[in-house]
Amino acid sequence: MLAVLTQMYPKPKDPKEPYGPMLVLTDGQHTPVPANYRGKVEELSALAGRATNHVLRARLADITWLLQRKRFECAHAALESYVAIVNQLDAQAAAKNAAYENEPDIIAKIRALGALAHNTSDYLRRALHIGHAIGRDKPVNQPVRDLAKSLRQRSKAETNPTVLYRWNYLDLEFGLSEAAQIGADIETYLSTVRHEDARAFIRFFQYDMPSALYTLTPLLENVLRYILKQRGKDTSTIDTNTREQKRKRSRSSWSR
């Protein structure tokens, strides 16, 4: 049962059905969803109470509360576990581990983000949905709200716009900070980027993804060229007018 519960597909943006089946067949059959365990609430609650792993405890407590909303102790346990998961990610990013010494730079940078990593906001989004359902003014919600706001503040120091976007979007979604302040922070960030990139980032924050991608795709091509060149591969170049320069094909490339 634990294996099935942990394999359910998380949908943190859906407060009503936050967990879906991992597999759906063409004939409509699917792997289990929380509703399949409605008759095992007591067992789930007991498992959640014994779980020591934060991720497992959050999943079990969350599903138990989802099946029986009067179990506020499970909602509280889920909130506490989601906060613990985020704090643990930060602690792991700060700790020096010999196993990570030889990992690629890009992986090291992602790990260094700690709680700002891409999936962390989903943990807090789910926690905030639970908090709103049981009453946003309850004291148990305050650590979740404070953590989300502090991560938004931290995201302002990141050069990666997706990090800034992710945490500002979460803050706006649940009304944690003043919208005017968030807008001012984004404007401040946009004033620091290069002029030719600013338009793409503005479209990105306006959720106009097609326009943003139209401008950002050439920038991604430059990143890929740089990575390939660092690995000794022969690449084309882009001149100051963003025109691709022709390159001589090596004898080895013709042979392929």
C-alpha atoms as a PDB file:
ATOM      1  CA  MET A   1       0.000   0.000   0.000  1.00  0.00           C
ATOM      2  CA  LEU A   2       2.817   2.427   0.805  1.00  0.00           C
ATOM      3  CA  ALA A   3       4.317   1.890  -2.638  1.00  0.00           C
ATOM      4  CA  VAL A   4       1.027   2.761  -4.336  1.00  0.00           C
ATOM      5  CA  LEU A   5       0.433   5.824  -2.158  1.00  0.00           C
ATOM      6  CA  THR A   6       3.870   7.242  -2.893  1.00  0.00           C
ATOM      7  CA  GLN A   7       3.499   6.620  -6.634  1.00  0.00           C
ATOM      8  CA  MET A   8       0.336   8.691  -7.014  1.00  0.00           C
ATOM      9  CA  TYR A   9       0.807  11.604  -9.385  1.00  0.00           C
ATOM     10  CA  PRO A  10       0.971  14.907  -7.452  1.00  0.00           C
ATOM     11  CA  LYS A  11      -1.074  17.834  -8.774  1.00  0.00           C
ATOM     12  CA  PRO A  12      -0.259  20.648  -6.327  1.00  0.00           C
ATOM     13  CA  LYS A  13      -2.133  23.272  -8.352  1.00  0.00           C
ATOM     14  CA  ASP A  14      -5.405  21.357  -7.951  1.00  0.00           C
ATOM     15  CA  PRO A  15      -6.668  21.851  -4.373  1.00  0.00           C
ATOM     16  CA  LYS A  16      -9.635  19.506  -4.840  1.00  0.00           C
ATOM     17  CA  GLU A  17      -7.809  16.563  -6.418  1.00  0.00           C
ATOM     18  CA  PRO A  18      -4.127  17.015  -5.545  1.00  0.00           C
ATOM     19  CA  TYR A  19      -3.238  13.393  -6.346  1.00  0.00           C
ATOM     20  CA  GLY A  20      -4.071  11.535  -9.530  1.00  0.00           C
ATOM     21  CA  PRO A  21      -3.350   8.084 -10.932  1.00  0.00           C
ATOM     22  CA  MET A  22       0.157   7.349 -12.098  1.00  0.00           C
ATOM     23  CA  LEU A  23      -1.179   5.459 -15.121  1.00  0.00           C
ATOM     24  CA  VAL A  24      -4.425   5.716 -17.092  1.00  0.00           C
ATOM     25  CA  LEU A  25      -5.172   3.123 -19.773  1.00  0.00           C
ATOM     26  CA  THR A  26      -7.065   3.767 -22.995  1.00  0.00           C
ATOM     27  CA  ASP A  27     -10.101   1.884 -21.673  1.00  0.00           C
ATOM     28  CA  GLY A  28     -10.363   4.208 -18.666  1.00  0.00           C
ATOM     29  CA  GLN A  29      -8.802   1.900 -16.093  1.00  0.00           C
ATOM     30  CA  HIS A  30      -6.178   3.515 -13.916  1.00  0.00           C
ATOM     31  CA  THR A  31      -3.879   2.961 -10.994  1.00  0.00           C
ATOM     32  CA  PRO A  32      -5.260   3.799  -7.521  1.00  0.00           C
ATOM     33  CA  VAL A  33      -6.152   7.314  -6.378  1.00  0.00           C
ATOM     34  CA  PRO A  34      -6.830   8.521  -2.812  1.00  0.00           C
ATOM     35  CA  ALA A  35     -10.545   7.708  -3.087  1.00  0.00           C
ATOM     36  CA  ASN A  36      -9.663   4.018  -3.363  1.00  0.00           C
ATOM     37  CA  TYR A  37      -8.456   4.140   0.255  1.00  0.00           C
ATOM     38  CA  ARG A  38     -11.494   5.816   1.785  1.00  0.00           C
ATOM     39  CA  GLY A  39     -12.161   2.715   3.859  1.00  0.00           C
ATOM     40  CA  LYS A  40      -8.622   2.660   5.284  1.00  0.00           C
ATOM     41  CA  VAL A  41      -8.453   6.071   6.899  1.00  0.00           C
ATOM     42  CA  GLU A  42      -7.624   4.697  10.334  1.00  0.00           C
ATOM     43  CA  GLU A  43      -4.763   2.651   8.933  1.00  0.00           C
ATOM     44  CA  LEU A  44      -3.439   5.605   6.955  1.00  0.00           C
ATOM     45  CA  SER A  45      -3.609   7.846  10.014  1.00  0.00           C
ATOM     46  CA  ALA A  46      -1.647   5.307  12.039  1.00  0.00           C
ATOM     47  CA  LEU A  47       1.013   5.030   9.336  1.00  0.00           C
ATOM     48  CA  ALA A  48       1.326   8.810   9.153  1.00  0.00           C
ATOM     49  CA  GLY A  49       1.803   8.949  12.909  1.00  0.00           C
ATOM     50  CA  ARG A  50       4.662   6.443  12.779  1.00  0.00           C
ATOM     51  CA  ALA A  51       6.427   7.849   9.707  1.00  0.00           C
ATOM     52  CA  THR A  52       9.747   9.564  10.406  1.00  0.00           C
ATOM     53  CA  ASN A  53      10.665  10.500   6.831  1.00  0.00           C
ATOM     54  CA  HIS A  54       9.305  13.986   6.132  1.00  0.00           C
ATOM     55  CA  VAL A  55       8.286  13.245   2.541  1.00  0.00           C
ATOM     56  CA  LEU A  56       6.473  10.045   3.466  1.00  0.00           C
ATOM     57  CA  ARG A  57       4.808  11.638   6.489  1.00  0.00           C
ATOM     58  CA  ALA A  58       3.612  14.577   4.398  1.00  0.00           C
ATOM     59  CA  ARG A  59       2.096  12.288   1.755  1.00  0.00           C
ATOM     60  CA  LEU A  60       0.350   9.993   4.266  1.00  0.00           C
ATOM     61  CA  ALA A  61      -0.962  12.794   6.468  1.00  0.00           C
ATOM     62  CA  ASP A  62      -2.085  14.800   3.447  1.00  0.00           C
ATOM     63  CA  ILE A  63      -4.048  11.913   1.913  1.00  0.00           C
ATOM     64  CA  THR A  64      -5.562  10.999   5.277  1.00  0.00           C
ATOM     65  CA  TRP A  65      -6.829  14.550   5.783  1.00  0.00           C
ATOM     66  CA  LEU A  66      -7.986  14.689   2.172  1.00  0.00           C
ATOM     67  CA  LEU A  67     -10.167  11.615   2.749  1.00  0.00           C
ATOM     68  CA  GLN A  68     -11.513  12.804   6.104  1.00  0.00           C
ATOM     69  CA  ARG A  69     -11.371  16.568   6.561  1.00  0.00           C
ATOM     70  CA  LYS A  70     -12.254  16.459  10.247  1.00  0.00           C
ATOM     71  CA  ARG A  71      -8.824  14.988  11.037  1.00  0.00           C
ATOM     72  CA  PHE A  72      -7.161  18.326  11.678  1.00  0.00           C
ATOM     73  CA  GLU A  73      -4.218  16.641  13.361  1.00  0.00           C
ATOM     74  CA  CYS A  74      -3.312  15.105   9.996  1.00  0.00           C
ATOM     75  CA  ALA A  75      -3.572  18.476   8.279  1.00  0.00           C
ATOM     76  CA  HIS A  76      -1.246  19.942  10.910  1.00  0.00           C
ATOM     77  CA  ALA A  77       1.181  17.028  10.482  1.00  0.00           C
ATOM     78  CA  ALA A  78       1.206  17.539   6.709  1.00  0.00           C
ATOM     79  CA  LEU A  79       1.948  21.268   7.085  1.00  0.00           C
ATOM     80  CA  GLU A  80       4.774  20.606   9.519  1.00  0.00           C
ATOM     81  CA  SER A  81       6.253  17.968   7.220  1.00  0.00           C
ATOM     82  CA  TYR A  82       6.120  20.178   4.118  1.00  0.00           C
ATOM     83  CA  VAL A  83       7.995  22.918   5.983  1.00  0.00           C
ATOM     84  CA  ALA A  84      10.524  20.342   7.225  1.00  0.00           C
ATOM     85  CA  ILE A  85      11.107  19.117   3.642  1.00  0.00           C
ATOM     86  CA  VAL A  86      11.953  22.633   2.459  1.00  0.00           C
ATOM     87  CA  ASN A  87      14.243  23.318   5.407  1.00  0.00           C
ATOM     88  CA  GLN A  88      15.977  19.991   4.843  1.00  0.00           C
ATOM     89  CA  LEU A  89      16.684  20.895   1.207  1.00  0.00           C
ATOM     90  CA  ASP A  90      18.359  24.083   2.392  1.00  0.00           C
ATOM     91  CA  ALA A  91      20.408  22.179   4.952  1.00  0.00           C
ATOM     92  CA  GLN A  92      21.567  19.681   2.334  1.00  0.00           C
ATOM     93  CA  ALA A  93      22.585  22.492  -0.018  1.00  0.00           C
ATOM     94  CA  ALA A  94      24.662  24.121   2.697  1.00  0.00           C
ATOM     95  CA  ALA A  95      26.387  20.917   3.774  1.00  0.00           C
ATOM     96  CA  LYS A  96      29.602  19.891   2.037  1.00  0.00           C
ATOM     97  CA  ASN A  97      29.441  16.346   0.768  1.00  0.00           C
ATOM     98  CA  ALA A  98      32.398  14.576  -0.823  1.00  0.00           C
ATOM     99  CA  ALA A  99      30.017  12.645  -3.061  1.00  0.00           C
ATOM    100  CA  TYR A 100      29.140  15.881  -4.881  1.00  0.00           C
ATOM    101  CA  GLU A 101      32.691  17.104  -5.546  1.00  0.00           C
ATOM    102  CA  ASN A 102      32.944  15.785  -9.114  1.00  0.00           C
ATOM    103  CA  GLU A 103      29.417  16.482 -10.308  1.00  0.00           C
ATOM    104  CA  PRO A 104      28.886  18.742 -13.380  1.00  0.00           C
ATOM    105  CA  ASP A 105      28.704  22.478 -12.756  1.00  0.00           C
ATOM    106  CA  ILE A 106      25.071  22.722 -13.865  1.00  0.00           C
ATOM    107  CA  ILE A 107      24.024  20.051 -11.346  1.00  0.00           C
ATOM    108  CA  ALA A 108      26.034  21.757  -8.629  1.00  0.00           C
ATOM    109  CA  LYS A 109      24.264  25.054  -9.338  1.00  0.00           C
ATOM    110  CA  ILE A 110      20.842  23.407  -9.115  1.00  0.00           C
ATOM    111  CA  ARG A 111      21.787  21.727  -5.853  1.00  0.00           C
ATOM    112  CA  ALA A 112      23.088  25.028  -4.496  1.00  0.00           C
ATOM    113  CA  LEU A 113      19.635  26.569  -4.968  1.00  0.00           C
ATOM    114  CA  GLY A 114      18.458  24.474  -2.046  1.00  0.00           C
ATOM    115  CA  ALA A 115      14.899  25.437  -1.170  1.00  0.00           C
ATOM    116  CA  LEU A 116      14.683  27.650  -4.268  1.00  0.00           C
ATOM    117  CA  ALA A 117      14.795  24.573  -6.520  1.00  0.00           C
ATOM    118  CA  HIS A 118      11.951  24.039  -8.973  1.00  0.00           C
ATOM    119  CA  ASN A 119       9.891  21.435  -7.090  1.00  0.00           C
ATOM    120  CA  THR A 120      10.091  23.079  -3.671  1.00  0.00           C
ATOM    121  CA  SER A 121       7.392  25.602  -4.510  1.00  0.00           C
ATOM    122  CA  ASP A 122       5.041  22.683  -5.174  1.00  0.00           C
ATOM    123  CA  TYR A 123       5.486  21.457  -1.601  1.00  0.00           C
ATOM    124  CA  LEU A 124       4.635  24.881  -0.229  1.00  0.00           C
ATOM    125  CA  ARG A 125       1.793  25.360  -2.706  1.00  0.00           C
ATOM    126  CA  ARG A 126       0.166  22.180  -1.445  1.00  0.00           C
ATOM    127  CA  ALA A 127       0.757  23.249   2.155  1.00  0.00           C
ATOM    128  CA  LEU A 128      -0.824  26.649   1.477  1.00  0.00           C
ATOM    129  CA  HIS A 129      -3.873  24.982  -0.090  1.00  0.00           C
ATOM    130  CA  ILE A 130      -4.291  22.868   3.046  1.00  0.00           C
ATOM    131  CA  GLY A 131      -3.829  25.943   5.219  1.00  0.00           C
ATOM    132  CA  HIS A 132      -6.515  27.859   3.369  1.00  0.00           C
ATOM    133  CA  ALA A 133      -8.912  24.927   3.704  1.00  0.00           C
ATOM    134  CA  ILE A 134      -8.532  24.636   7.483  1.00  0.00           C
ATOM    135  CA  GLY A 135      -8.434  28.407   8.006  1.00  0.00           C
ATOM    136  CA  ARG A 136      -5.656  30.702   6.853  1.00  0.00           C
ATOM    137  CA  ASP A 137      -5.530  32.516  10.192  1.00  0.00           C
ATOM    138  CA  LYS A 138      -4.704  29.368  12.159  1.00  0.00           C
ATOM    139  CA  PRO A 139      -1.279  29.597  13.899  1.00  0.00           C
ATOM    140  CA  VAL A 140      -0.155  26.352  12.224  1.00  0.00           C
ATOM    141  CA  ASN A 141      -0.237  28.166   8.872  1.00  0.00           C
ATOM    142  CA  GLN A 142       2.161  30.921   9.870  1.00  0.00           C
ATOM    143  CA  PRO A 143       5.421  28.959   9.385  1.00  0.00           C
ATOM    144  CA  VAL A 144       4.320  27.984   5.863  1.00  0.00           C
ATOM    145  CA  ARG A 145       3.415  31.552   4.917  1.00  0.00           C
ATOM    146  CA  ASP A 146       6.581  32.981   6.461  1.00  0.00           C
ATOM    147  CA  LEU A 147       8.744  30.429   4.655  1.00  0.00           C
ATOM    148  CA  ALA A 148       7.136  31.162   1.280  1.00  0.00           C
ATOM    149  CA  LYS A 149       7.631  34.897   1.764  1.00  0.00           C
ATOM    150  CA  SER A 150      11.256  34.496   2.845  1.00  0.00           C
ATOM    151  CA  LEU A 151      12.009  32.366  -0.214  1.00  0.00           C
ATOM    152  CA  ARG A 152      10.499  35.037  -2.444  1.00  0.00           C
ATOM    153  CA  GLN A 153      12.851  37.545  -0.854  1.00  0.00           C
ATOM    154  CA  ARG A 154      15.802  35.207  -1.449  1.00  0.00           C
ATOM    155  CA  SER A 155      14.816  34.692  -5.077  1.00  0.00           C
ATOM    156  CA  LYS A 156      15.493  38.373  -5.793  1.00  0.00           C
ATOM    157  CA  ALA A 157      19.216  37.691  -5.489  1.00  0.00           C
ATOM    158  CA  GLU A 158      19.160  34.960  -8.156  1.00  0.00           C
ATOM    159  CA  THR A 159      20.169  35.718 -11.734  1.00  0.00           C
ATOM    160  CA  ASN A 160      17.891  32.976 -13.082  1.00  0.00           C
ATOM    161  CA  PRO A 161      14.556  34.655 -13.945  1.00  0.00           C
ATOM    162  CA  THR A 162      12.592  31.412 -13.579  1.00  0.00           C
ATOM    163  CA  VAL A 163      13.478  31.310  -9.879  1.00  0.00           C
ATOM    164  CA  LEU A 164      12.208  34.857  -9.385  1.00  0.00           C
ATOM    165  CA  TYR A 165       9.087  34.113 -11.419  1.00  0.00           C
ATOM    166  CA  ARG A 166       8.297  30.879  -9.536  1.00  0.00           C
ATOM    167  CA  TRP A 167       8.353  32.401  -6.066  1.00  0.00           C
ATOM    168  CA  ASN A 168       6.678  35.684  -6.960  1.00  0.00           C
ATOM    169  CA  TYR A 169       3.903  33.750  -8.696  1.00  0.00           C
ATOM    170  CA  LEU A 170       3.377  31.611  -5.595  1.00  0.00           C
ATOM    171  CA  ASP A 171       3.292  34.687  -3.381  1.00  0.00           C
ATOM    172  CA  LEU A 172       0.725  36.400  -5.614  1.00  0.00           C
ATOM    173  CA  GLU A 173      -1.365  33.238  -5.905  1.00  0.00           C
ATOM    174  CA  PHE A 174      -1.994  33.164  -2.148  1.00  0.00           C
ATOM    175  CA  GLY A 175      -1.793  36.881  -1.420  1.00  0.00           C
ATOM    176  CA  LEU A 176       1.111  36.572   0.984  1.00  0.00           C
ATOM    177  CA  SER A 177       2.676  39.962   0.187  1.00  0.00           C
ATOM    178  CA  GLU A 178       1.435  43.227  -1.251  1.00  0.00           C
ATOM    179  CA  ALA A 179       1.055  42.982  -5.022  1.00  0.00           C
ATOM    180  CA  ALA A 180       2.541  46.452  -5.437  1.00  0.00           C
ATOM    181  CA  GLN A 181       5.706  45.369  -3.631  1.00  0.00           C
ATOM    182  CA  ILE A 182       6.046  42.268  -5.783  1.00  0.00           C
ATOM    183  CA  GLY A 183       5.602  44.381  -8.920  1.00  0.00           C
ATOM    184  CA  ALA A 184       8.267  46.818  -7.718  1.00  0.00           C
ATOM    185  CA  ASP A 185      10.682  43.951  -7.035  1.00  0.00           C
ATOM    186  CA  ILE A 186      10.154  42.565 -10.532  1.00  0.00           C
ATOM    187  CA  GLU A 187      10.678  45.999 -12.094  1.00  0.00           C
ATOM    188  CA  THR A 188      13.900  46.340 -10.123  1.00  0.00           C
ATOM    189  CA  TYR A 189      15.069  42.974 -11.397  1.00  0.00           C
ATOM    190  CA  LEU A 190      14.213  43.809 -15.006  1.00  0.00           C
ATOM    191  CA  SER A 191      16.237  47.003 -14.758  1.00  0.00           C
ATOM    192  CA  THR A 192      19.351  44.903 -14.097  1.00  0.00           C
ATOM    193  CA  VAL A 193      19.115  42.634 -17.156  1.00  0.00           C
ATOM    194  CA  ARG A 194      20.618  43.423 -20.543  1.00  0.00           C
ATOM    195  CA  HIS A 195      18.444  45.587 -22.807  1.00  0.00           C
ATOM    196  CA  GLU A 196      18.039  42.940 -25.514  1.00  0.00           C
ATOM    197  CA  ASP A 197      16.918  40.406 -22.902  1.00  0.00           C
ATOM    198  CA  ALA A 198      14.527  42.669 -21.021  1.00  0.00           C
ATOM    199  CA  ARG A 199      11.660  42.324 -23.482  1.00  0.00           C
ATOM    200  CA  ALA A 200      11.729  38.537 -23.201  1.00  0.00           C
ATOM    201  CA  PHE A 201      11.741  38.647 -19.406  1.00  0.00           C
ATOM    202  CA  ILE A 202       8.871  41.130 -19.353  1.00  0.00           C
ATOM    203  CA  ARG A 203       6.816  38.816 -21.576  1.00  0.00           C
ATOM    204  CA  PHE A 204       7.824  35.910 -19.351  1.00  0.00           C
ATOM    205  CA  PHE A 205       6.489  37.620 -16.225  1.00  0.00           C
ATOM    206  CA  GLN A 206       3.338  38.568 -18.135  1.00  0.00           C
ATOM    207  CA  TYR A 207       2.867  34.851 -18.811  1.00  0.00           C
ATOM    208  CA  ASP A 208       3.133  35.466 -22.584  1.00  0.00           C
ATOM    209  CA  MET A 209       5.250  32.377 -23.156  1.00  0.00           C
ATOM    210  CA  PRO A 210       5.199  32.340 -27.009  1.00  0.00           C
ATOM    211  CA  SER A 211       6.656  35.861 -27.190  1.00  0.00           C
ATOM    212  CA  ALA A 212       9.177  35.100 -24.465  1.00  0.00           C
ATOM    213  CA  LEU A 213      10.327  31.915 -26.196  1.00  0.00           C
ATOM    214  CA  TYR A 214      10.689  33.738 -29.526  1.00  0.00           C
ATOM    215  CA  THR A 215      13.323  35.968 -27.948  1.00  0.00           C
ATOM    216  CA  LEU A 216      14.855  33.526 -25.494  1.00  0.00           C
ATOM    217  CA  THR A 217      15.405  30.633 -27.924  1.00  0.00           C
ATOM    218  CA  PRO A 218      18.481  32.225 -29.550  1.00  0.00           C
ATOM    219  CA  LEU A 219      19.894  32.824 -26.076  1.00  0.00           C
ATOM    220  CA  LEU A 220      19.402  29.143 -25.283  1.00  0.00           C
ATOM    221  CA  GLU A 221      21.242  28.274 -28.501  1.00  0.00           C
ATOM    222  CA  ASN A 222      24.198  30.333 -27.283  1.00  0.00           C
ATOM    223  CA  VAL A 223      24.184  28.463 -23.982  1.00  0.00           C
ATOM    224  CA  LEU A 224      24.207  25.113 -25.782  1.00  0.00           C
ATOM    225  CA  ARG A 225      27.039  26.261 -28.053  1.00  0.00           C
ATOM    226  CA  TYR A 226      29.050  27.314 -25.027  1.00  0.00           C
ATOM    227  CA  ILE A 227      28.537  23.956 -23.292  1.00  0.00           C
ATOM    228  CA  LEU A 228      29.479  22.033 -26.441  1.00  0.00           C
ATOM    229  CA  LYS A 229      32.551  24.185 -26.992  1.00  0.00           C
ATOM    230  CA  GLN A 230      33.648  23.571 -23.391  1.00  0.00           C
ATOM    231  CA  ARG A 231      33.455  19.860 -24.151  1.00  0.00           C
ATOM    232  CA  GLY A 232      35.665  20.218 -27.217  1.00  0.00           C
ATOM    233  CA  LYS A 233      32.928  20.041 -29.847  1.00  0.00           C
ATOM    234  CA  ASP A 234      32.983  22.057 -33.079  1.00  0.00           C
ATOM    235  CA  THR A 235      30.151  24.617 -33.075  1.00  0.00           C
ATOM    236  CA  SER A 236      28.940  27.502 -35.187  1.00  0.00           C
ATOM    237  CA  THR A 237      29.090  31.050 -33.815  1.00  0.00           C
ATOM    238  CA  ILE A 238      26.772  34.042 -33.708  1.00  0.00           C
ATOM    239  CA  ASP A 239      28.025  37.482 -34.773  1.00  0.00           C
ATOM    240  CA  THR A 240      26.989  40.792 -33.203  1.00  0.00           C
ATOM    241  CA  ASN A 241      23.950  40.958 -35.522  1.00  0.00           C
ATOM    242  CA  THR A 242      22.783  37.513 -34.273  1.00  0.00           C
ATOM    243  CA  ARG A 243      23.590  35.915 -37.643  1.00  0.00           C
ATOM    244  CA  GLU A 244      24.926  32.398 -37.610  1.00  0.00           C
ATOM    245  CA  GLN A 245      28.428  32.140 -39.029  1.00  0.00           C
ATOM    246  CA  LYS A 246      29.394  29.310 -41.301  1.00  0.00           C
ATOM    247  CA  ARG A 247      31.998  26.883 -40.038  1.00  0.00           C
ATOM    248  CA  LYS A 248      34.261  24.467 -41.783  1.00  0.00           C
ATOM    249  CA  ARG A 249      33.258  20.884 -41.355  1.00  0.00           C
ATOM    250  CA  SER A 250      36.014  18.680 -40.077  1.00  0.00           C
ATOM    251  CA  ARG A 251      37.074  15.519 -41.878  1.00  0.00           C
ATOM    252  CA  SER A 252      35.654  13.475 -38.970  1.00  0.00           C
ATOM    253  CA  SER A 253      32.231  15.139 -39.296  1.00  0.00           C
ATOM    254  CA  TRP A 254      32.132  14.328 -43.046  1.00  0.00           C
ATOM    255  CA  SER A 255      32.980  10.726 -42.281  1.00  0.00           C
ATOM    256  CA  ARG A 256      29.927  10.485 -40.013  1.00  0.00           C
END
